[in-house]
């Protein structure tokens, strides 16, 4: 993989362990308001398979608008974050919370200005991709 969001051909054919703290790299430019780190846990371009990653965002870093063709499950593993779907209210999430974004639902997520934010995300692959990245988020209201 030349960058962490470039997907492998298919998921592993047998059990594979990804140790905590290994394979952590910087996310590519153009997907968030600032740099953040990711650990790909599962990667595939094969339709119907899943991708999964662990992400580590510094305070104030938020993703750009994006969507997932088969939806996304996001599980907060540390810190305090914000999530918002297009046209919806910005909502604070905390360690242990789980968020589902429906297939094709335009949304963003990220760290509050006062807390780092880490999560595991799982998303399905359709037509060889698991995410469509869009423009940066313009925050028009005060955020924590």
N, C-alpha and C. Protein backbone atom coordinates (compact mmCIF):
# COMPACT_ATOMS: atom_id res chain seq x y z
N UNK A 1 0.84 -1.19 0.00
CA UNK A 1 0.00 0.00 0.00
C UNK A 1 0.88 1.24 0.00
N UNK A 2 0.58 2.19 -0.86
CA UNK A 2 1.36 3.42 -0.88
C UNK A 2 0.87 4.41 0.16
N UNK A 3 -0.38 4.34 0.57
CA UNK A 3 -0.91 5.11 1.68
C UNK A 3 -1.94 4.27 2.41
N UNK A 4 -2.30 4.61 3.64
CA UNK A 4 -3.12 3.72 4.45
C UNK A 4 -4.53 3.48 3.93
N UNK A 5 -5.07 4.35 3.08
CA UNK A 5 -6.43 4.15 2.59
C UNK A 5 -6.45 3.42 1.25
N UNK A 6 -5.27 3.05 0.73
CA UNK A 6 -5.22 2.23 -0.48
C UNK A 6 -5.49 0.80 -0.06
N UNK A 7 -6.54 0.21 -0.59
CA UNK A 7 -7.01 -1.08 -0.12
C UNK A 7 -6.26 -2.24 -0.75
N UNK A 8 -6.12 -3.31 0.03
CA UNK A 8 -5.54 -4.56 -0.46
C UNK A 8 -6.54 -5.21 -1.41
N UNK A 9 -6.08 -6.22 -2.14
CA UNK A 9 -6.95 -6.93 -3.08
C UNK A 9 -8.13 -7.61 -2.39
N UNK A 10 -7.87 -8.25 -1.24
CA UNK A 10 -8.92 -8.95 -0.49
C UNK A 10 -8.50 -9.07 0.98
N UNK A 11 -9.45 -9.41 1.82
CA UNK A 11 -9.16 -9.67 3.23
C UNK A 11 -8.28 -10.91 3.34
N UNK A 12 -7.53 -11.07 4.43
CA UNK A 12 -6.72 -12.27 4.61
C UNK A 12 -7.58 -13.54 4.52
N UNK A 13 -6.99 -14.60 4.01
CA UNK A 13 -7.71 -15.86 3.84
C UNK A 13 -7.75 -16.69 5.12
N UNK A 14 -7.02 -16.27 6.14
CA UNK A 14 -7.03 -16.98 7.42
C UNK A 14 -6.81 -15.98 8.55
N UNK A 15 -6.84 -16.46 9.78
CA UNK A 15 -6.70 -15.59 10.94
C UNK A 15 -5.43 -14.73 10.83
N UNK A 16 -5.58 -13.48 11.21
CA UNK A 16 -4.44 -12.56 11.23
C UNK A 16 -4.59 -11.67 12.45
N UNK A 17 -3.50 -11.48 13.18
CA UNK A 17 -3.51 -10.62 14.37
C UNK A 17 -2.76 -9.34 14.03
N UNK A 18 -3.38 -8.22 14.31
CA UNK A 18 -2.76 -6.91 14.13
C UNK A 18 -2.50 -6.39 15.54
N UNK A 19 -1.26 -6.35 15.97
CA UNK A 19 -0.91 -5.95 17.33
C UNK A 19 -1.11 -4.44 17.52
N UNK A 20 -1.61 -4.08 18.69
CA UNK A 20 -1.78 -2.67 19.04
C UNK A 20 -0.44 -1.95 18.92
N UNK A 21 -0.47 -0.78 18.33
CA UNK A 21 0.74 0.03 18.21
C UNK A 21 1.61 -0.27 17.01
N UNK A 22 1.26 -1.29 16.21
CA UNK A 22 2.06 -1.62 15.03
C UNK A 22 1.40 -1.09 13.77
N UNK A 23 2.21 -0.74 12.80
CA UNK A 23 1.69 -0.31 11.50
C UNK A 23 0.94 1.00 11.52
N UNK A 24 1.21 1.83 12.51
CA UNK A 24 0.53 3.13 12.58
C UNK A 24 1.24 4.12 11.68
N UNK A 25 0.47 4.76 10.80
CA UNK A 25 1.03 5.71 9.84
C UNK A 25 0.15 6.96 9.79
N UNK A 26 0.69 7.99 9.19
CA UNK A 26 -0.06 9.23 9.01
C UNK A 26 -1.09 9.05 7.89
N UNK A 27 -2.30 9.52 8.13
CA UNK A 27 -3.34 9.49 7.10
C UNK A 27 -2.93 10.40 5.94
N UNK A 28 -3.40 10.12 4.74
CA UNK A 28 -3.05 10.97 3.61
C UNK A 28 -3.63 12.38 3.76
N UNK A 29 -2.97 13.35 3.15
CA UNK A 29 -3.48 14.72 3.15
C UNK A 29 -4.81 14.77 2.41
N UNK A 30 -5.62 15.76 2.74
CA UNK A 30 -6.85 15.99 2.01
C UNK A 30 -8.07 15.25 2.51
N UNK A 31 -7.97 14.62 3.69
CA UNK A 31 -9.13 13.91 4.23
C UNK A 31 -9.57 14.47 5.58
N UNK A 32 -8.82 15.44 6.13
CA UNK A 32 -9.16 16.00 7.44
C UNK A 32 -8.59 17.41 7.56
N UNK A 33 -8.99 18.09 8.63
CA UNK A 33 -8.54 19.46 8.85
C UNK A 33 -7.09 19.54 9.30
N UNK A 34 -6.51 18.41 9.65
CA UNK A 34 -5.12 18.34 10.07
C UNK A 34 -4.64 16.91 10.02
N UNK A 35 -3.37 16.70 10.29
CA UNK A 35 -2.85 15.33 10.24
C UNK A 35 -3.41 14.48 11.37
N UNK A 36 -3.54 13.19 11.09
CA UNK A 36 -3.92 12.23 12.13
C UNK A 36 -3.32 10.87 11.77
N UNK A 37 -3.33 9.98 12.74
CA UNK A 37 -2.69 8.67 12.57
C UNK A 37 -3.74 7.58 12.40
N UNK A 38 -3.39 6.56 11.61
CA UNK A 38 -4.30 5.43 11.40
C UNK A 38 -3.53 4.12 11.47
N UNK A 39 -4.23 3.10 11.87
CA UNK A 39 -3.73 1.73 11.81
C UNK A 39 -4.79 0.93 11.07
N UNK A 40 -4.46 0.49 9.85
CA UNK A 40 -5.40 -0.34 9.10
C UNK A 40 -5.47 -1.70 9.77
N UNK A 41 -6.67 -2.13 10.10
CA UNK A 41 -6.88 -3.41 10.76
C UNK A 41 -7.31 -4.48 9.77
N UNK A 42 -8.03 -4.06 8.76
CA UNK A 42 -8.55 -4.96 7.74
C UNK A 42 -8.71 -4.15 6.46
N UNK A 43 -8.25 -4.70 5.35
CA UNK A 43 -8.25 -3.94 4.11
C UNK A 43 -8.64 -4.85 2.94
N UNK A 44 -9.54 -4.36 2.09
CA UNK A 44 -9.97 -5.13 0.92
C UNK A 44 -10.62 -4.21 -0.11
N UNK A 45 -10.45 -4.56 -1.38
CA UNK A 45 -11.18 -3.92 -2.48
C UNK A 45 -12.29 -4.82 -3.00
N UNK A 46 -12.44 -6.01 -2.41
CA UNK A 46 -13.39 -7.00 -2.90
C UNK A 46 -14.80 -6.67 -2.42
N UNK A 47 -15.73 -6.53 -3.35
CA UNK A 47 -17.10 -6.20 -3.01
C UNK A 47 -17.68 -7.17 -1.97
N UNK A 48 -18.34 -6.60 -0.97
CA UNK A 48 -18.96 -7.39 0.08
C UNK A 48 -18.05 -7.64 1.27
N UNK A 49 -16.74 -7.44 1.12
CA UNK A 49 -15.84 -7.59 2.26
C UNK A 49 -15.82 -6.29 3.06
N UNK A 50 -15.08 -6.30 4.18
CA UNK A 50 -15.05 -5.16 5.08
C UNK A 50 -13.65 -4.55 5.14
N UNK A 51 -13.61 -3.28 5.48
CA UNK A 51 -12.36 -2.64 5.88
C UNK A 51 -12.55 -2.15 7.31
N UNK A 52 -11.46 -2.04 8.03
CA UNK A 52 -11.53 -1.55 9.41
C UNK A 52 -10.23 -0.83 9.72
N UNK A 53 -10.34 0.22 10.52
CA UNK A 53 -9.16 0.97 10.92
C UNK A 53 -9.34 1.53 12.31
N UNK A 54 -8.20 1.80 12.93
CA UNK A 54 -8.14 2.51 14.20
C UNK A 54 -7.57 3.88 13.87
N UNK A 55 -8.21 4.94 14.35
CA UNK A 55 -7.75 6.30 14.05
C UNK A 55 -7.48 7.05 15.35
N UNK A 56 -6.48 7.93 15.30
CA UNK A 56 -6.05 8.72 16.46
C UNK A 56 -5.99 10.18 16.03
N UNK A 57 -6.92 11.02 16.53
CA UNK A 57 -6.99 12.42 16.14
C UNK A 57 -6.64 13.31 17.33
N UNK A 58 -5.84 14.33 17.05
CA UNK A 58 -5.49 15.33 18.06
C UNK A 58 -6.67 16.28 18.27
N UNK A 59 -6.72 17.00 19.39
CA UNK A 59 -7.81 17.95 19.63
C UNK A 59 -8.00 18.89 18.45
N UNK A 60 -9.26 19.07 18.06
CA UNK A 60 -9.62 19.99 16.98
C UNK A 60 -9.54 19.42 15.58
N UNK A 61 -8.99 18.23 15.40
CA UNK A 61 -8.90 17.64 14.06
C UNK A 61 -10.21 16.95 13.71
N UNK A 62 -10.78 17.29 12.55
CA UNK A 62 -12.01 16.65 12.08
C UNK A 62 -11.83 16.20 10.63
N UNK A 63 -12.55 15.15 10.27
CA UNK A 63 -12.48 14.67 8.89
C UNK A 63 -13.20 15.64 7.97
N UNK A 64 -12.95 15.50 6.68
CA UNK A 64 -13.75 16.19 5.68
C UNK A 64 -15.09 15.45 5.57
N UNK A 65 -16.04 16.04 4.88
CA UNK A 65 -17.28 15.34 4.57
C UNK A 65 -16.92 14.08 3.79
N UNK A 66 -17.63 13.01 4.06
CA UNK A 66 -17.42 11.77 3.32
C UNK A 66 -18.64 10.87 3.49
N UNK A 67 -18.66 9.79 2.71
CA UNK A 67 -19.73 8.79 2.84
C UNK A 67 -19.14 7.42 2.56
N UNK A 68 -19.90 6.41 2.91
CA UNK A 68 -19.48 5.02 2.72
C UNK A 68 -20.59 4.28 1.98
N UNK A 69 -20.26 3.59 0.90
CA UNK A 69 -21.31 2.96 0.07
C UNK A 69 -22.12 1.91 0.80
N UNK A 70 -21.56 1.27 1.81
CA UNK A 70 -22.29 0.26 2.58
C UNK A 70 -22.43 0.66 4.05
N UNK A 71 -22.25 1.94 4.36
CA UNK A 71 -22.39 2.43 5.72
C UNK A 71 -21.10 2.31 6.52
N UNK A 72 -21.13 2.86 7.73
CA UNK A 72 -19.95 2.83 8.60
C UNK A 72 -20.40 2.68 10.05
N UNK A 73 -19.72 1.78 10.76
CA UNK A 73 -19.86 1.66 12.21
C UNK A 73 -18.61 2.27 12.83
N UNK A 74 -18.80 3.24 13.70
CA UNK A 74 -17.70 3.92 14.37
C UNK A 74 -17.85 3.67 15.87
N UNK A 75 -16.81 3.12 16.51
CA UNK A 75 -16.83 2.84 17.95
C UNK A 75 -15.74 3.70 18.61
N UNK A 76 -16.14 4.56 19.52
CA UNK A 76 -15.20 5.45 20.20
C UNK A 76 -14.42 4.64 21.22
N UNK A 77 -13.07 4.68 21.11
CA UNK A 77 -12.24 3.94 22.06
C UNK A 77 -11.54 4.83 23.07
N UNK A 78 -11.48 6.13 22.80
CA UNK A 78 -10.87 7.04 23.76
C UNK A 78 -11.21 8.48 23.41
N UNK A 79 -11.35 9.31 24.42
CA UNK A 79 -11.54 10.74 24.23
C UNK A 79 -12.98 11.15 24.00
N UNK A 80 -13.10 12.39 23.51
CA UNK A 80 -14.40 12.98 23.24
C UNK A 80 -14.40 13.47 21.80
N UNK A 81 -15.42 13.10 21.07
CA UNK A 81 -15.49 13.48 19.66
C UNK A 81 -16.81 14.12 19.30
N UNK A 82 -16.89 14.51 18.04
CA UNK A 82 -18.10 15.09 17.48
C UNK A 82 -18.45 14.33 16.21
N UNK A 83 -19.74 14.15 15.97
CA UNK A 83 -20.22 13.53 14.74
C UNK A 83 -21.37 14.38 14.20
N UNK A 84 -21.51 14.36 12.89
CA UNK A 84 -22.63 15.09 12.29
C UNK A 84 -22.93 14.50 10.92
N UNK A 85 -24.21 14.28 10.66
CA UNK A 85 -24.62 13.89 9.32
C UNK A 85 -25.10 15.15 8.60
N UNK A 86 -25.06 15.13 7.30
CA UNK A 86 -25.47 16.29 6.52
C UNK A 86 -26.90 16.68 6.86
N UNK A 87 -27.10 17.93 7.26
CA UNK A 87 -28.41 18.42 7.63
C UNK A 87 -28.80 18.15 9.07
N UNK A 88 -27.94 17.44 9.80
CA UNK A 88 -28.23 17.09 11.19
C UNK A 88 -27.49 17.96 12.17
N UNK A 89 -27.72 17.71 13.43
CA UNK A 89 -27.09 18.43 14.52
C UNK A 89 -25.74 17.80 14.86
N UNK A 90 -24.76 18.61 15.20
CA UNK A 90 -23.47 18.13 15.68
C UNK A 90 -23.69 17.52 17.07
N UNK A 91 -23.22 16.28 17.27
CA UNK A 91 -23.46 15.55 18.51
C UNK A 91 -22.14 15.11 19.11
N UNK A 92 -22.00 15.28 20.42
CA UNK A 92 -20.80 14.84 21.13
C UNK A 92 -20.90 13.34 21.43
N UNK A 93 -19.77 12.64 21.23
CA UNK A 93 -19.69 11.20 21.54
C UNK A 93 -18.48 10.98 22.44
N UNK A 94 -18.58 9.92 23.25
CA UNK A 94 -17.54 9.63 24.25
C UNK A 94 -17.14 8.16 24.20
N UNK A 95 -16.07 7.86 24.93
CA UNK A 95 -15.55 6.50 25.01
C UNK A 95 -16.69 5.50 25.23
N UNK A 96 -16.71 4.46 24.38
CA UNK A 96 -17.72 3.41 24.48
C UNK A 96 -18.93 3.61 23.60
N UNK A 97 -19.16 4.84 23.13
CA UNK A 97 -20.30 5.08 22.23
C UNK A 97 -20.05 4.43 20.88
N UNK A 98 -21.13 4.03 20.22
CA UNK A 98 -21.07 3.48 18.87
C UNK A 98 -22.01 4.29 17.99
N UNK A 99 -21.56 4.62 16.79
CA UNK A 99 -22.33 5.44 15.86
C UNK A 99 -22.46 4.68 14.55
N UNK A 100 -23.66 4.64 13.98
CA UNK A 100 -23.89 4.05 12.66
C UNK A 100 -24.23 5.16 11.69
N UNK A 101 -23.51 5.20 10.58
CA UNK A 101 -23.83 6.09 9.46
C UNK A 101 -24.37 5.20 8.34
N UNK A 102 -25.55 5.50 7.83
CA UNK A 102 -26.20 4.67 6.81
C UNK A 102 -25.43 4.71 5.48
N UNK A 103 -25.64 3.71 4.63
CA UNK A 103 -25.00 3.71 3.32
C UNK A 103 -25.27 5.03 2.57
N UNK A 104 -24.20 5.64 2.07
CA UNK A 104 -24.30 6.87 1.30
C UNK A 104 -24.57 8.12 2.13
N UNK A 105 -24.70 8.00 3.44
CA UNK A 105 -25.00 9.16 4.29
C UNK A 105 -23.76 10.04 4.43
N UNK A 106 -23.86 11.26 3.95
CA UNK A 106 -22.77 12.24 4.01
C UNK A 106 -22.60 12.67 5.46
N UNK A 107 -21.35 12.61 5.97
CA UNK A 107 -21.11 12.90 7.38
C UNK A 107 -19.65 13.26 7.61
N UNK A 108 -19.35 13.64 8.84
CA UNK A 108 -17.97 13.85 9.29
C UNK A 108 -17.90 13.47 10.77
N UNK A 109 -16.68 13.28 11.25
CA UNK A 109 -16.45 13.04 12.68
C UNK A 109 -15.06 13.53 13.02
N UNK A 110 -14.86 13.83 14.30
CA UNK A 110 -13.54 14.32 14.70
C UNK A 110 -13.48 14.63 16.18
N UNK A 111 -12.33 15.16 16.57
CA UNK A 111 -12.05 15.47 17.98
C UNK A 111 -12.62 16.83 18.36
N UNK A 112 -13.06 16.95 19.61
CA UNK A 112 -13.44 18.27 20.11
C UNK A 112 -12.16 19.10 20.24
N UNK A 113 -12.31 20.39 20.44
CA UNK A 113 -11.13 21.25 20.57
C UNK A 113 -10.36 21.01 21.86
N UNK A 114 -10.99 20.31 22.82
CA UNK A 114 -10.38 20.11 24.14
C UNK A 114 -9.89 18.68 24.39
N UNK A 115 -10.15 17.75 23.47
CA UNK A 115 -9.83 16.35 23.74
C UNK A 115 -9.34 15.62 22.48
N UNK A 116 -8.36 14.74 22.63
CA UNK A 116 -8.04 13.85 21.52
C UNK A 116 -9.22 12.88 21.33
N UNK A 117 -9.23 12.17 20.24
CA UNK A 117 -10.35 11.29 19.89
C UNK A 117 -9.80 10.10 19.12
N UNK A 118 -10.09 8.91 19.62
CA UNK A 118 -9.68 7.68 18.94
C UNK A 118 -10.90 6.80 18.72
N UNK A 119 -10.91 6.13 17.58
CA UNK A 119 -12.04 5.27 17.26
C UNK A 119 -11.61 4.12 16.37
N UNK A 120 -12.45 3.11 16.33
CA UNK A 120 -12.33 2.03 15.36
C UNK A 120 -13.52 2.18 14.43
N UNK A 121 -13.26 2.13 13.13
CA UNK A 121 -14.34 2.20 12.16
C UNK A 121 -14.33 0.94 11.30
N UNK A 122 -15.53 0.50 10.96
CA UNK A 122 -15.72 -0.66 10.10
C UNK A 122 -16.68 -0.25 8.99
N UNK A 123 -16.29 -0.52 7.74
CA UNK A 123 -17.11 -0.16 6.61
C UNK A 123 -17.00 -1.21 5.51
N UNK A 124 -18.12 -1.46 4.83
CA UNK A 124 -18.16 -2.44 3.77
C UNK A 124 -17.68 -1.88 2.44
N UNK A 125 -17.24 -2.78 1.58
CA UNK A 125 -16.72 -2.42 0.26
C UNK A 125 -17.81 -2.62 -0.79
N UNK A 126 -17.94 -1.66 -1.68
CA UNK A 126 -18.85 -1.76 -2.81
C UNK A 126 -18.17 -1.13 -4.02
N UNK A 127 -18.16 -1.80 -5.13
CA UNK A 127 -17.52 -1.34 -6.35
C UNK A 127 -16.06 -0.96 -6.10
N UNK A 128 -15.39 -1.74 -5.27
CA UNK A 128 -13.96 -1.57 -5.03
C UNK A 128 -13.56 -0.48 -4.08
N UNK A 129 -14.52 0.16 -3.41
CA UNK A 129 -14.17 1.24 -2.49
C UNK A 129 -15.01 1.16 -1.21
N UNK A 130 -14.49 1.75 -0.14
CA UNK A 130 -15.21 1.78 1.13
C UNK A 130 -15.53 3.20 1.58
N UNK A 131 -15.00 4.22 0.86
CA UNK A 131 -15.23 5.61 1.25
C UNK A 131 -15.14 6.53 0.04
N UNK A 132 -15.95 7.59 0.07
CA UNK A 132 -15.87 8.67 -0.92
C UNK A 132 -15.61 9.96 -0.17
N UNK A 133 -14.43 10.56 -0.38
CA UNK A 133 -14.05 11.79 0.31
C UNK A 133 -14.59 13.00 -0.43
N UNK A 134 -14.99 14.03 0.33
CA UNK A 134 -15.57 15.25 -0.22
C UNK A 134 -14.84 16.46 0.34
N UNK A 135 -15.49 17.59 0.32
CA UNK A 135 -14.87 18.86 0.70
C UNK A 135 -14.71 18.99 2.23
N UNK A 136 -13.86 19.94 2.65
CA UNK A 136 -13.71 20.21 4.09
C UNK A 136 -15.02 20.69 4.71
N UNK A 137 -15.16 20.46 5.98
CA UNK A 137 -16.33 20.89 6.75
C UNK A 137 -16.15 22.36 7.12
N UNK A 138 -17.22 23.14 6.96
CA UNK A 138 -17.23 24.53 7.42
C UNK A 138 -18.11 24.58 8.67
N UNK A 139 -17.48 24.72 9.81
CA UNK A 139 -18.22 24.77 11.08
C UNK A 139 -18.80 26.17 11.23
N UNK A 140 -20.13 26.26 11.34
CA UNK A 140 -20.78 27.55 11.47
C UNK A 140 -21.27 27.84 12.89
N UNK A 141 -21.18 26.84 13.75
CA UNK A 141 -21.60 27.02 15.15
C UNK A 141 -20.41 26.75 16.07
N UNK A 142 -20.49 27.25 17.27
CA UNK A 142 -19.44 26.97 18.24
C UNK A 142 -19.39 25.47 18.49
N UNK A 143 -18.20 24.95 18.61
CA UNK A 143 -18.08 23.52 18.94
C UNK A 143 -17.21 23.38 20.17
N UNK A 144 -17.47 22.32 20.93
CA UNK A 144 -16.70 22.12 22.17
C UNK A 144 -15.23 21.95 21.89
